[in-house]
Amino acid sequence: MQKTILLVEDNELNRDMLSRRLERKGYKVVLAEDGQAGVTLAETMLPELILMDLSLPILDGWEATRRLKANVLTKHIPIIALTAHAMSGDEATAYEAGCDDFDTKPIELARLLDKITAALENS
């Protein structure tokens, strides 16, 4: 069965590039452009995994993650944080918000695929 990944990413170029690469690897990819849309889609579609950009409009990735992990319907879904702003403390803040893993941009596809595989196996 094809696994569904929700990609929450506001940058159109990143969204298009990553979604195409994941689809070529056999995943179904659903897209959200802001944190609020990501929360809504996660609650309705219940994807197997969420890739969450942290710097998002309307609702940032940290708060979107907190809401998803507080919701009984979505708390089991693994969330991998994605950020271009790998500042000291960002990784710890992502884990505190409820993220299951963390990766930096620019995306190194092989590394991210390893993290996706591990998260899906552990969920």
PDB file of N, CA and C in Angstrom:
ATOM      1  N   MET A   1       0.835  -1.197   0.000  1.00  0.00           N
ATOM      2  CA  MET A   1       0.000   0.000   0.000  1.00  0.00           C
ATOM      3  C   MET A   1       0.876   1.256   0.000  1.00  0.00           C
ATOM      4  N   GLN A   2       0.485   2.228  -0.798  1.00  0.00           N
ATOM      5  CA  GLN A   2       1.246   3.466  -0.912  1.00  0.00           C
ATOM      6  C   GLN A   2       1.092   4.306   0.353  1.00  0.00           C
ATOM      7  N   LYS A   3       2.202   4.749   0.907  1.00  0.00           N
ATOM      8  CA  LYS A   3       2.193   5.593   2.101  1.00  0.00           C
ATOM      9  C   LYS A   3       1.984   7.049   1.702  1.00  0.00           C
ATOM     10  N   THR A   4       1.188   7.774   2.505  1.00  0.00           N
ATOM     11  CA  THR A   4       0.919   9.181   2.242  1.00  0.00           C
ATOM     12  C   THR A   4       1.770  10.048   3.155  1.00  0.00           C
ATOM     13  N   ILE A   5       2.446  11.017   2.562  1.00  0.00           N
ATOM     14  CA  ILE A   5       3.236  11.999   3.298  1.00  0.00           C
ATOM     15  C   ILE A   5       2.596  13.362   3.095  1.00  0.00           C
ATOM     16  N   LEU A   6       2.350  14.053   4.195  1.00  0.00           N
ATOM     17  CA  LEU A   6       1.884  15.442   4.137  1.00  0.00           C
ATOM     18  C   LEU A   6       3.112  16.330   4.215  1.00  0.00           C
ATOM     19  N   LEU A   7       3.336  17.123   3.176  1.00  0.00           N
ATOM     20  CA  LEU A   7       4.450  18.059   3.130  1.00  0.00           C
ATOM     21  C   LEU A   7       3.908  19.455   3.392  1.00  0.00           C
ATOM     22  N   VAL A   8       4.293  20.036   4.527  1.00  0.00           N
ATOM     23  CA  VAL A   8       3.848  21.377   4.899  1.00  0.00           C
ATOM     24  C   VAL A   8       5.032  22.309   4.661  1.00  0.00           C
ATOM     25  N   GLU A   9       4.955  23.066   3.572  1.00  0.00           N
ATOM     26  CA  GLU A   9       6.089  23.875   3.096  1.00  0.00           C
ATOM     27  C   GLU A   9       5.548  25.086   2.362  1.00  0.00           C
ATOM     28  N   ASP A  10       5.989  26.289   2.773  1.00  0.00           N
ATOM     29  CA  ASP A  10       5.473  27.499   2.136  1.00  0.00           C
ATOM     30  C   ASP A  10       6.256  27.911   0.889  1.00  0.00           C
ATOM     31  N   ASN A  11       7.466  27.417   0.711  1.00  0.00           N
ATOM     32  CA  ASN A  11       8.271  27.784  -0.442  1.00  0.00           C
ATOM     33  C   ASN A  11       7.902  26.896  -1.631  1.00  0.00           C
ATOM     34  N   GLU A  12       7.374  27.513  -2.685  1.00  0.00           N
ATOM     35  CA  GLU A  12       6.858  26.761  -3.823  1.00  0.00           C
ATOM     36  C   GLU A  12       7.929  25.901  -4.489  1.00  0.00           C
ATOM     37  N   LEU A  13       9.134  26.441  -4.638  1.00  0.00           N
ATOM     38  CA  LEU A  13      10.214  25.693  -5.268  1.00  0.00           C
ATOM     39  C   LEU A  13      10.570  24.449  -4.444  1.00  0.00           C
ATOM     40  N   ASN A  14      10.710  24.623  -3.126  1.00  0.00           N
ATOM     41  CA  ASN A  14      11.005  23.483  -2.243  1.00  0.00           C
ATOM     42  C   ASN A  14       9.882  22.456  -2.275  1.00  0.00           C
ATOM     43  N   ARG A  15       8.647  22.945  -2.240  1.00  0.00           N
ATOM     44  CA  ARG A  15       7.471  22.073  -2.237  1.00  0.00           C
ATOM     45  C   ARG A  15       7.432  21.228  -3.515  1.00  0.00           C
ATOM     46  N   ASP A  16       7.610  21.876  -4.660  1.00  0.00           N
ATOM     47  CA  ASP A  16       7.552  21.175  -5.937  1.00  0.00           C
ATOM     48  C   ASP A  16       8.682  20.167  -6.076  1.00  0.00           C
ATOM     49  N   MET A  17       9.906  20.590  -5.746  1.00  0.00           N
ATOM     50  CA  MET A  17      11.064  19.721  -5.905  1.00  0.00           C
ATOM     51  C   MET A  17      10.962  18.500  -4.995  1.00  0.00           C
ATOM     52  N   LEU A  18      10.658  18.719  -3.729  1.00  0.00           N
ATOM     53  CA  LEU A  18      10.620  17.608  -2.783  1.00  0.00           C
ATOM     54  C   LEU A  18       9.438  16.680  -3.060  1.00  0.00           C
ATOM     55  N   SER A  19       8.288  17.236  -3.397  1.00  0.00           N
ATOM     56  CA  SER A  19       7.125  16.371  -3.665  1.00  0.00           C
ATOM     57  C   SER A  19       7.377  15.483  -4.880  1.00  0.00           C
ATOM     58  N   ARG A  20       7.980  16.014  -5.925  1.00  0.00           N
ATOM     59  CA  ARG A  20       8.280  15.197  -7.112  1.00  0.00           C
ATOM     60  C   ARG A  20       9.266  14.079  -6.780  1.00  0.00           C
ATOM     61  N   ARG A  21      10.278  14.407  -5.997  1.00  0.00           N
ATOM     62  CA  ARG A  21      11.289  13.400  -5.639  1.00  0.00           C
ATOM     63  C   ARG A  21      10.682  12.304  -4.765  1.00  0.00           C
ATOM     64  N   LEU A  22       9.806  12.675  -3.839  1.00  0.00           N
ATOM     65  CA  LEU A  22       9.159  11.675  -2.985  1.00  0.00           C
ATOM     66  C   LEU A  22       8.188  10.809  -3.778  1.00  0.00           C
ATOM     67  N   GLU A  23       7.471  11.419  -4.717  1.00  0.00           N
ATOM     68  CA  GLU A  23       6.542  10.646  -5.559  1.00  0.00           C
ATOM     69  C   GLU A  23       7.301   9.636  -6.413  1.00  0.00           C
ATOM     70  N   ARG A  24       8.481  10.013  -6.908  1.00  0.00           N
ATOM     71  CA  ARG A  24       9.300   9.078  -7.681  1.00  0.00           C
ATOM     72  C   ARG A  24       9.763   7.901  -6.823  1.00  0.00           C
ATOM     73  N   LYS A  25       9.817   8.102  -5.502  1.00  0.00           N
ATOM     74  CA  LYS A  25      10.201   7.028  -4.579  1.00  0.00           C
ATOM     75  C   LYS A  25       8.991   6.199  -4.147  1.00  0.00           C
ATOM     76  N   GLY A  26       7.804   6.512  -4.686  1.00  0.00           N
ATOM     77  CA  GLY A  26       6.638   5.689  -4.438  1.00  0.00           C
ATOM     78  C   GLY A  26       5.669   6.207  -3.384  1.00  0.00           C
ATOM     79  N   TYR A  27       5.919   7.399  -2.859  1.00  0.00           N
ATOM     80  CA  TYR A  27       5.013   7.966  -1.853  1.00  0.00           C
ATOM     81  C   TYR A  27       3.928   8.803  -2.525  1.00  0.00           C
ATOM     82  N   LYS A  28       2.763   8.831  -1.901  1.00  0.00           N
ATOM     83  CA  LYS A  28       1.721   9.780  -2.284  1.00  0.00           C
ATOM     84  C   LYS A  28       1.990  11.025  -1.447  1.00  0.00           C
ATOM     85  N   VAL A  29       2.049  12.195  -2.082  1.00  0.00           N
ATOM     86  CA  VAL A  29       2.371  13.432  -1.370  1.00  0.00           C
ATOM     87  C   VAL A  29       1.193  14.385  -1.434  1.00  0.00           C
ATOM     88  N   VAL A  30       0.789  14.861  -0.260  1.00  0.00           N
ATOM     89  CA  VAL A  30      -0.256  15.868  -0.131  1.00  0.00           C
ATOM     90  C   VAL A  30       0.449  17.143   0.336  1.00  0.00           C
ATOM     91  N   LEU A  31       0.041  18.291  -0.222  1.00  0.00           N
ATOM     92  CA  LEU A  31       0.745  19.544   0.042  1.00  0.00           C
ATOM     93  C   LEU A  31      -0.101  20.531   0.834  1.00  0.00           C
ATOM     94  N   ALA A  32       0.577  21.242   1.752  1.00  0.00           N
ATOM     95  CA  ALA A  32      -0.027  22.364   2.474  1.00  0.00           C
ATOM     96  C   ALA A  32       0.982  23.506   2.449  1.00  0.00           C
ATOM     97  N   GLU A  33       0.478  24.737   2.298  1.00  0.00           N
ATOM     98  CA  GLU A  33       1.353  25.893   2.165  1.00  0.00           C
ATOM     99  C   GLU A  33       1.532  26.677   3.457  1.00  0.00           C
ATOM    100  N   ASP A  34       0.784  26.348   4.501  1.00  0.00           N
ATOM    101  CA  ASP A  34       0.938  27.037   5.781  1.00  0.00           C
ATOM    102  C   ASP A  34       0.576  26.074   6.906  1.00  0.00           C
ATOM    103  N   GLY A  35       0.927  26.443   8.116  1.00  0.00           N
ATOM    104  CA  GLY A  35       0.719  25.558   9.259  1.00  0.00           C
ATOM    105  C   GLY A  35      -0.734  25.235   9.538  1.00  0.00           C
ATOM    106  N   GLN A  36      -1.615  26.210   9.371  1.00  0.00           N
ATOM    107  CA  GLN A  36      -3.033  25.960   9.630  1.00  0.00           C
ATOM    108  C   GLN A  36      -3.599  24.959   8.625  1.00  0.00           C
ATOM    109  N   ALA A  37      -3.257  25.127   7.356  1.00  0.00           N
ATOM    110  CA  ALA A  37      -3.699  24.178   6.337  1.00  0.00           C
ATOM    111  C   ALA A  37      -3.118  22.794   6.611  1.00  0.00           C
ATOM    112  N   GLY A  38      -1.881  22.756   7.103  1.00  0.00           N
ATOM    113  CA  GLY A  38      -1.256  21.483   7.440  1.00  0.00           C
ATOM    114  C   GLY A  38      -2.001  20.756   8.543  1.00  0.00           C
ATOM    115  N   VAL A  39      -2.396  21.482   9.581  1.00  0.00           N
ATOM    116  CA  VAL A  39      -3.154  20.881  10.681  1.00  0.00           C
ATOM    117  C   VAL A  39      -4.490  20.349  10.171  1.00  0.00           C
ATOM    118  N   THR A  40      -5.191  21.152   9.382  1.00  0.00           N
ATOM    119  CA  THR A  40      -6.494  20.756   8.851  1.00  0.00           C
ATOM    120  C   THR A  40      -6.379  19.505   7.971  1.00  0.00           C
ATOM    121  N   LEU A  41      -5.391  19.491   7.073  1.00  0.00           N
ATOM    122  CA  LEU A  41      -5.207  18.328   6.191  1.00  0.00           C
ATOM    123  C   LEU A  41      -4.820  17.091   6.989  1.00  0.00           C
ATOM    124  N   ALA A  42      -3.967  17.251   7.981  1.00  0.00           N
ATOM    125  CA  ALA A  42      -3.557  16.105   8.798  1.00  0.00           C
ATOM    126  C   ALA A  42      -4.760  15.507   9.518  1.00  0.00           C
ATOM    127  N   GLU A  43      -5.634  16.358  10.029  1.00  0.00           N
ATOM    128  CA  GLU A  43      -6.807  15.882  10.759  1.00  0.00           C
ATOM    129  C   GLU A  43      -7.805  15.172   9.844  1.00  0.00           C
ATOM    130  N   THR A  44      -7.896  15.597   8.594  1.00  0.00           N
ATOM    131  CA  THR A  44      -8.878  14.998   7.691  1.00  0.00           C
ATOM    132  C   THR A  44      -8.312  13.812   6.914  1.00  0.00           C
ATOM    133  N   MET A  45      -7.033  13.869   6.540  1.00  0.00           N
ATOM    134  CA  MET A  45      -6.454  12.814   5.692  1.00  0.00           C
ATOM    135  C   MET A  45      -5.711  11.734   6.475  1.00  0.00           C
ATOM    136  N   LEU A  46      -5.253  12.062   7.690  1.00  0.00           N
ATOM    137  CA  LEU A  46      -4.481  11.138   8.523  1.00  0.00           C
ATOM    138  C   LEU A  46      -3.344  10.468   7.731  1.00  0.00           C
ATOM    139  N   PRO A  47      -2.366  11.287   7.290  1.00  0.00           N
ATOM    140  CA  PRO A  47      -1.243  10.727   6.530  1.00  0.00           C
ATOM    141  C   PRO A  47      -0.373   9.839   7.433  1.00  0.00           C
ATOM    142  N   GLU A  48       0.460   9.014   6.812  1.00  0.00           N
ATOM    143  CA  GLU A  48       1.361   8.152   7.593  1.00  0.00           C
ATOM    144  C   GLU A  48       2.526   8.934   8.184  1.00  0.00           C
ATOM    145  N   LEU A  49       2.870  10.095   7.576  1.00  0.00           N
ATOM    146  CA  LEU A  49       4.012  10.896   8.035  1.00  0.00           C
ATOM    147  C   LEU A  49       3.812  12.341   7.610  1.00  0.00           C
ATOM    148  N   ILE A  50       4.374  13.260   8.404  1.00  0.00           N
ATOM    149  CA  ILE A  50       4.308  14.683   8.082  1.00  0.00           C
ATOM    150  C   ILE A  50       5.723  15.245   8.033  1.00  0.00           C
ATOM    151  N   LEU A  51       6.031  15.965   6.948  1.00  0.00           N
ATOM    152  CA  LEU A  51       7.257  16.748   6.860  1.00  0.00           C
ATOM    153  C   LEU A  51       6.847  18.194   7.110  1.00  0.00           C
ATOM    154  N   MET A  52       7.354  18.778   8.201  1.00  0.00           N
ATOM    155  CA  MET A  52       6.880  20.083   8.676  1.00  0.00           C
ATOM    156  C   MET A  52       7.983  21.126   8.612  1.00  0.00           C
ATOM    157  N   ASP A  53       7.841  22.075   7.685  1.00  0.00           N
ATOM    158  CA  ASP A  53       8.725  23.235   7.702  1.00  0.00           C
ATOM    159  C   ASP A  53       8.413  23.983   8.995  1.00  0.00           C
ATOM    160  N   LEU A  54       9.420  24.592   9.594  1.00  0.00           N
ATOM    161  CA  LEU A  54       9.171  25.292  10.859  1.00  0.00           C
ATOM    162  C   LEU A  54       8.814  26.759  10.665  1.00  0.00           C
ATOM    163  N   SER A  55       9.338  27.373   9.610  1.00  0.00           N
ATOM    164  CA  SER A  55       9.057  28.788   9.334  1.00  0.00           C
ATOM    165  C   SER A  55       7.906  28.884   8.341  1.00  0.00           C
ATOM    166  N   LEU A  56       6.693  28.938   8.875  1.00  0.00           N
ATOM    167  CA  LEU A  56       5.499  28.940   8.035  1.00  0.00           C
ATOM    168  C   LEU A  56       4.626  30.150   8.326  1.00  0.00           C
ATOM    169  N   PRO A  57       3.859  30.605   7.320  1.00  0.00           N
ATOM    170  CA  PRO A  57       2.893  31.674   7.581  1.00  0.00           C
ATOM    171  C   PRO A  57       1.650  31.140   8.305  1.00  0.00           C
ATOM    172  N   ILE A  58       0.866  32.037   8.837  1.00  0.00           N
ATOM    173  CA  ILE A  58      -0.401  31.814   9.538  1.00  0.00           C
ATOM    174  C   ILE A  58      -0.178  31.086  10.863  1.00  0.00           C
ATOM    175  N   LEU A  59       0.406  29.904  10.815  1.00  0.00           N
ATOM    176  CA  LEU A  59       0.681  29.123  12.019  1.00  0.00           C
ATOM    177  C   LEU A  59       2.048  28.481  11.794  1.00  0.00           C
ATOM    178  N   ASP A  60       3.031  28.804  12.654  1.00  0.00           N
ATOM    179  CA  ASP A  60       4.371  28.263  12.409  1.00  0.00           C
ATOM    180  C   ASP A  60       4.411  26.759  12.676  1.00  0.00           C
ATOM    181  N   GLY A  61       5.478  26.131  12.215  1.00  0.00           N
ATOM    182  CA  GLY A  61       5.605  24.687  12.310  1.00  0.00           C
ATOM    183  C   GLY A  61       5.647  24.169  13.737  1.00  0.00           C
ATOM    184  N   TRP A  62       6.216  24.959  14.641  1.00  0.00           N
ATOM    185  CA  TRP A  62       6.273  24.538  16.049  1.00  0.00           C
ATOM    186  C   TRP A  62       4.858  24.433  16.615  1.00  0.00           C
ATOM    187  N   GLU A  63       4.052  25.465  16.388  1.00  0.00           N
ATOM    188  CA  GLU A  63       2.686  25.465  16.933  1.00  0.00           C
ATOM    189  C   GLU A  63       1.813  24.435  16.218  1.00  0.00           C
ATOM    190  N   ALA A  64       1.989  24.293  14.914  1.00  0.00           N
ATOM    191  CA  ALA A  64       1.224  23.276  14.178  1.00  0.00           C
ATOM    192  C   ALA A  64       1.541  21.885  14.741  1.00  0.00           C
ATOM    193  N   THR A  65       2.812  21.630  15.023  1.00  0.00           N
ATOM    194  CA  THR A  65       3.216  20.341  15.594  1.00  0.00           C
ATOM    195  C   THR A  65       2.603  20.143  16.974  1.00  0.00           C
ATOM    196  N   ARG A  66       2.653  21.175  17.808  1.00  0.00           N
ATOM    197  CA  ARG A  66       2.052  21.071  19.148  1.00  0.00           C
ATOM    198  C   ARG A  66       0.572  20.693  19.051  1.00  0.00           C
ATOM    199  N   ARG A  67      -0.141  21.340  18.134  1.00  0.00           N
ATOM    200  CA  ARG A  67      -1.576  21.058  17.981  1.00  0.00           C
ATOM    201  C   ARG A  67      -1.821  19.632  17.495  1.00  0.00           C
ATOM    202  N   LEU A  68      -1.003  19.172  16.556  1.00  0.00           N
ATOM    203  CA  LEU A  68      -1.181  17.819  16.036  1.00  0.00           C
ATOM    204  C   LEU A  68      -0.865  16.771  17.103  1.00  0.00           C
ATOM    205  N   LYS A  69       0.160  17.019  17.907  1.00  0.00           N
ATOM    206  CA  LYS A  69       0.538  16.056  18.939  1.00  0.00           C
ATOM    207  C   LYS A  69      -0.426  16.095  20.133  1.00  0.00           C
ATOM    208  N   ALA A  70      -1.193  17.177  20.273  1.00  0.00           N
ATOM    209  CA  ALA A  70      -2.187  17.270  21.347  1.00  0.00           C
ATOM    210  C   ALA A  70      -3.534  16.674  20.938  1.00  0.00           C
ATOM    211  N   ASN A  71      -3.686  16.374  19.651  1.00  0.00           N
ATOM    212  CA  ASN A  71      -4.953  15.865  19.119  1.00  0.00           C
ATOM    213  C   ASN A  71      -4.920  14.339  19.107  1.00  0.00           C
ATOM    214  N   VAL A  72      -5.913  13.719  19.710  1.00  0.00           N
ATOM    215  CA  VAL A  72      -5.967  12.254  19.786  1.00  0.00           C
ATOM    216  C   VAL A  72      -5.973  11.604  18.404  1.00  0.00           C
ATOM    217  N   LEU A  73      -6.513  12.284  17.399  1.00  0.00           N
ATOM    218  CA  LEU A  73      -6.577  11.724  16.044  1.00  0.00           C
ATOM    219  C   LEU A  73      -5.226  11.713  15.336  1.00  0.00           C
ATOM    220  N   THR A  74      -4.355  12.680  15.682  1.00  0.00           N
ATOM    221  CA  THR A  74      -3.118  12.859  14.912  1.00  0.00           C
ATOM    222  C   THR A  74      -1.836  12.675  15.721  1.00  0.00           C
ATOM    223  N   LYS A  75      -1.954  12.456  17.019  1.00  0.00           N
ATOM    224  CA  LYS A  75      -0.737  12.423  17.850  1.00  0.00           C
ATOM    225  C   LYS A  75       0.204  11.278  17.499  1.00  0.00           C
ATOM    226  N   HIS A  76      -0.318  10.208  16.879  1.00  0.00           N
ATOM    227  CA  HIS A  76       0.510   9.055  16.524  1.00  0.00           C
ATOM    228  C   HIS A  76       1.317   9.269  15.236  1.00  0.00           C
ATOM    229  N   ILE A  77       0.991  10.296  14.449  1.00  0.00           N
ATOM    230  CA  ILE A  77       1.641  10.501  13.155  1.00  0.00           C
ATOM    231  C   ILE A  77       3.047  11.064  13.368  1.00  0.00           C
ATOM    232  N   PRO A  78       4.076  10.380  12.839  1.00  0.00           N
ATOM    233  CA  PRO A  78       5.436  10.914  12.986  1.00  0.00           C
ATOM    234  C   PRO A  78       5.574  12.229  12.222  1.00  0.00           C
ATOM    235  N   ILE A  79       6.276  13.173  12.841  1.00  0.00           N
ATOM    236  CA  ILE A  79       6.529  14.479  12.227  1.00  0.00           C
ATOM    237  C   ILE A  79       8.032  14.698  12.172  1.00  0.00           C
ATOM    238  N   ILE A  80       8.531  14.976  10.959  1.00  0.00           N
ATOM    239  CA  ILE A  80       9.935  15.331  10.779  1.00  0.00           C
ATOM    240  C   ILE A  80       9.987  16.820  10.479  1.00  0.00           C
ATOM    241  N   ALA A  81      10.677  17.563  11.349  1.00  0.00           N
ATOM    242  CA  ALA A  81      10.830  19.005  11.161  1.00  0.00           C
ATOM    243  C   ALA A  81      11.864  19.269  10.070  1.00  0.00           C
ATOM    244  N   LEU A  82      11.579  20.264   9.229  1.00  0.00           N
ATOM    245  CA  LEU A  82      12.513  20.694   8.192  1.00  0.00           C
ATOM    246  C   LEU A  82      12.767  22.182   8.389  1.00  0.00           C
ATOM    247  N   THR A  83      14.038  22.571   8.413  1.00  0.00           N
ATOM    248  CA  THR A  83      14.315  23.991   8.554  1.00  0.00           C
ATOM    249  C   THR A  83      15.609  24.396   7.871  1.00  0.00           C
ATOM    250  N   ALA A  84      15.582  25.588   7.296  1.00  0.00           N
ATOM    251  CA  ALA A  84      16.791  26.184   6.729  1.00  0.00           C
ATOM    252  C   ALA A  84      17.523  26.966   7.807  1.00  0.00           C
ATOM    253  N   HIS A  85      16.855  27.235   8.899  1.00  0.00           N
ATOM    254  CA  HIS A  85      17.416  28.053   9.979  1.00  0.00           C
ATOM    255  C   HIS A  85      17.887  27.147  11.107  1.00  0.00           C
ATOM    256  N   ALA A  86      18.961  26.407  10.836  1.00  0.00           N
ATOM    257  CA  ALA A  86      19.466  25.459  11.839  1.00  0.00           C
ATOM    258  C   ALA A  86      20.275  26.211  12.890  1.00  0.00           C
ATOM    259  N   MET A  87      19.583  27.007  13.666  1.00  0.00           N
ATOM    260  CA  MET A  87      20.222  27.776  14.727  1.00  0.00           C
ATOM    261  C   MET A  87      20.394  26.881  15.945  1.00  0.00           C
ATOM    262  N   SER A  88      21.334  27.253  16.761  1.00  0.00           N
ATOM    263  CA  SER A  88      21.537  26.514  17.996  1.00  0.00           C
ATOM    264  C   SER A  88      20.239  26.522  18.795  1.00  0.00           C
ATOM    265  N   GLY A  89      19.769  25.357  19.170  1.00  0.00           N
ATOM    266  CA  GLY A  89      18.546  25.264  19.944  1.00  0.00           C
ATOM    267  C   GLY A  89      17.316  24.937  19.122  1.00  0.00           C
ATOM    268  N   ASP A  90      17.369  25.137  17.800  1.00  0.00           N
ATOM    269  CA  ASP A  90      16.197  24.835  16.965  1.00  0.00           C
ATOM    270  C   ASP A  90      15.823  23.362  17.029  1.00  0.00           C
ATOM    271  N   GLU A  91      16.830  22.496  17.011  1.00  0.00           N
ATOM    272  CA  GLU A  91      16.544  21.063  17.042  1.00  0.00           C
ATOM    273  C   GLU A  91      15.867  20.688  18.362  1.00  0.00           C
ATOM    274  N   ALA A  92      16.399  21.202  19.463  1.00  0.00           N
ATOM    275  CA  ALA A  92      15.794  20.915  20.772  1.00  0.00           C
ATOM    276  C   ALA A  92      14.373  21.466  20.847  1.00  0.00           C
ATOM    277  N   THR A  93      14.150  22.666  20.305  1.00  0.00           N
ATOM    278  CA  THR A  93      12.816  23.262  20.310  1.00  0.00           C
ATOM    279  C   THR A  93      11.850  22.425  19.479  1.00  0.00           C
ATOM    280  N   ALA A  94      12.320  21.888  18.361  1.00  0.00           N
ATOM    281  CA  ALA A  94      11.476  21.040  17.512  1.00  0.00           C
ATOM    282  C   ALA A  94      11.065  19.778  18.270  1.00  0.00           C
ATOM    283  N   TYR A  95      12.005  19.168  18.969  1.00  0.00           N
ATOM    284  CA  TYR A  95      11.674  17.960  19.742  1.00  0.00           C
ATOM    285  C   TYR A  95      10.715  18.295  20.887  1.00  0.00           C
ATOM    286  N   GLU A  96      10.921  19.436  21.531  1.00  0.00           N
ATOM    287  CA  GLU A  96      10.026  19.859  22.618  1.00  0.00           C
ATOM    288  C   GLU A  96       8.599  20.072  22.104  1.00  0.00           C
ATOM    289  N   ALA A  97       8.476  20.565  20.874  1.00  0.00           N
ATOM    290  CA  ALA A  97       7.150  20.795  20.280  1.00  0.00           C
ATOM    291  C   ALA A  97       6.468  19.479  19.928  1.00  0.00           C
ATOM    292  N   GLY A  98       7.246  18.385  19.843  1.00  0.00           N
ATOM    293  CA  GLY A  98       6.660  17.084  19.551  1.00  0.00           C
ATOM    294  C   GLY A  98       7.166  16.424  18.281  1.00  0.00           C
ATOM    295  N   CYS A  99       8.102  17.072  17.588  1.00  0.00           N
ATOM    296  CA  CYS A  99       8.639  16.463  16.369  1.00  0.00           C
ATOM    297  C   CYS A  99       9.364  15.167  16.713  1.00  0.00           C
ATOM    298  N   ASP A 100       9.266  14.195  15.823  1.00  0.00           N
ATOM    299  CA  ASP A 100       9.901  12.901  16.029  1.00  0.00           C
ATOM    300  C   ASP A 100      11.316  12.855  15.465  1.00  0.00           C
ATOM    301  N   ASP A 101      11.616  13.759  14.529  1.00  0.00           N
ATOM    302  CA  ASP A 101      12.954  13.837  13.954  1.00  0.00           C
ATOM    303  C   ASP A 101      13.127  15.246  13.396  1.00  0.00           C
ATOM    304  N   PHE A 102      14.323  15.541  12.911  1.00  0.00           N
ATOM    305  CA  PHE A 102      14.701  16.890  12.520  1.00  0.00           C
ATOM    306  C   PHE A 102      15.665  16.772  11.348  1.00  0.00           C
ATOM    307  N   ASP A 103      15.498  17.615  10.327  1.00  0.00           N
ATOM    308  CA  ASP A 103      16.434  17.642   9.210  1.00  0.00           C
ATOM    309  C   ASP A 103      16.589  19.081   8.733  1.00  0.00           C
ATOM    310  N   THR A 104      17.742  19.354   8.149  1.00  0.00           N
ATOM    311  CA  THR A 104      18.042  20.717   7.718  1.00  0.00           C
ATOM    312  C   THR A 104      17.949  20.837   6.202  1.00  0.00           C
ATOM    313  N   LYS A 105      17.690  22.064   5.771  1.00  0.00           N
ATOM    314  CA  LYS A 105      17.702  22.401   4.350  1.00  0.00           C
ATOM    315  C   LYS A 105      19.061  23.045   4.047  1.00  0.00           C
ATOM    316  N   PRO A 106      19.565  22.916   2.848  1.00  0.00           N
ATOM    317  CA  PRO A 106      18.943  22.224   1.730  1.00  0.00           C
ATOM    318  C   PRO A 106      18.830  20.720   2.008  1.00  0.00           C
ATOM    319  N   ILE A 107      17.760  20.145   1.489  1.00  0.00           N
ATOM    320  CA  ILE A 107      17.462  18.740   1.729  1.00  0.00           C
ATOM    321  C   ILE A 107      18.497  17.854   1.034  1.00  0.00           C
ATOM    322  N   GLU A 108      19.043  16.929   1.794  1.00  0.00           N
ATOM    323  CA  GLU A 108      19.875  15.869   1.227  1.00  0.00           C
ATOM    324  C   GLU A 108      18.950  14.654   1.157  1.00  0.00           C
ATOM    325  N   LEU A 109      18.490  14.317  -0.037  1.00  0.00           N
ATOM    326  CA  LEU A 109      17.407  13.347  -0.205  1.00  0.00           C
ATOM    327  C   LEU A 109      17.712  11.993   0.437  1.00  0.00           C
ATOM    328  N   ALA A 110      18.908  11.465   0.248  1.00  0.00           N
ATOM    329  CA  ALA A 110      19.226  10.144   0.818  1.00  0.00           C
ATOM    330  C   ALA A 110      19.080  10.159   2.340  1.00  0.00           C
ATOM    331  N   ARG A 111      19.565  11.204   2.972  1.00  0.00           N
ATOM    332  CA  ARG A 111      19.467  11.314   4.439  1.00  0.00           C
ATOM    333  C   ARG A 111      18.004  11.428   4.868  1.00  0.00           C
ATOM    334  N   LEU A 112      17.229  12.268   4.162  1.00  0.00           N
ATOM    335  CA  LEU A 112      15.820  12.433   4.512  1.00  0.00           C
ATOM    336  C   LEU A 112      15.048  11.134   4.298  1.00  0.00           C
ATOM    337  N   LEU A 113      15.322  10.415   3.210  1.00  0.00           N
ATOM    338  CA  LEU A 113      14.636   9.145   2.963  1.00  0.00           C
ATOM    339  C   LEU A 113      14.928   8.140   4.069  1.00  0.00           C
ATOM    340  N   ASP A 114      16.160   8.131   4.571  1.00  0.00           N
ATOM    341  CA  ASP A 114      16.495   7.250   5.701  1.00  0.00           C
ATOM    342  C   ASP A 114      15.650   7.602   6.919  1.00  0.00           C
ATOM    343  N   LYS A 115      15.486   8.894   7.169  1.00  0.00           N
ATOM    344  CA  LYS A 115      14.691   9.343   8.323  1.00  0.00           C
ATOM    345  C   LYS A 115      13.213   8.999   8.132  1.00  0.00           C
ATOM    346  N   ILE A 116      12.714   9.158   6.910  1.00  0.00           N
ATOM    347  CA  ILE A 116      11.316   8.810   6.616  1.00  0.00           C
ATOM    348  C   ILE A 116      11.092   7.312   6.828  1.00  0.00           C
ATOM    349  N   THR A 117      11.997   6.495   6.297  1.00  0.00           N
ATOM    350  CA  THR A 117      11.877   5.049   6.449  1.00  0.00           C
ATOM    351  C   THR A 117      11.876   4.652   7.927  1.00  0.00           C
ATOM    352  N   ALA A 118      12.798   5.216   8.687  1.00  0.00           N
ATOM    353  CA  ALA A 118      12.873   4.907  10.127  1.00  0.00           C
ATOM    354  C   ALA A 118      11.604   5.330  10.856  1.00  0.00           C
ATOM    355  N   ALA A 119      11.099   6.513  10.544  1.00  0.00           N
ATOM    356  CA  ALA A 119       9.890   7.011  11.217  1.00  0.00           C
ATOM    357  C   ALA A 119       8.688   6.135  10.881  1.00  0.00           C
ATOM    358  N   LEU A 120       8.565   5.717   9.633  1.00  0.00           N
ATOM    359  CA  LEU A 120       7.441   4.872   9.225  1.00  0.00           C
ATOM    360  C   LEU A 120       7.530   3.485   9.856  1.00  0.00           C
ATOM    361  N   GLU A 121       8.735   2.966  10.002  1.00  0.00           N
ATOM    362  CA  GLU A 121       8.913   1.655  10.629  1.00  0.00           C
ATOM    363  C   GLU A 121       8.594   1.690  12.115  1.00  0.00           C
ATOM    364  N   ASN A 122       8.853   2.837  12.754  1.00  0.00           N
ATOM    365  CA  ASN A 122       8.639   2.966  14.202  1.00  0.00           C
ATOM    366  C   ASN A 122       7.244   3.403  14.566  1.00  0.00           C
ATOM    367  N   SER A 123       6.413   3.765  13.579  1.00  0.00           N
ATOM    368  CA  SER A 123       5.078   4.283  13.903  1.00  0.00           C
ATOM    369  C   SER A 123       4.056   3.172  14.008  1.00  0.00           C
TER     370      SER A 123
END
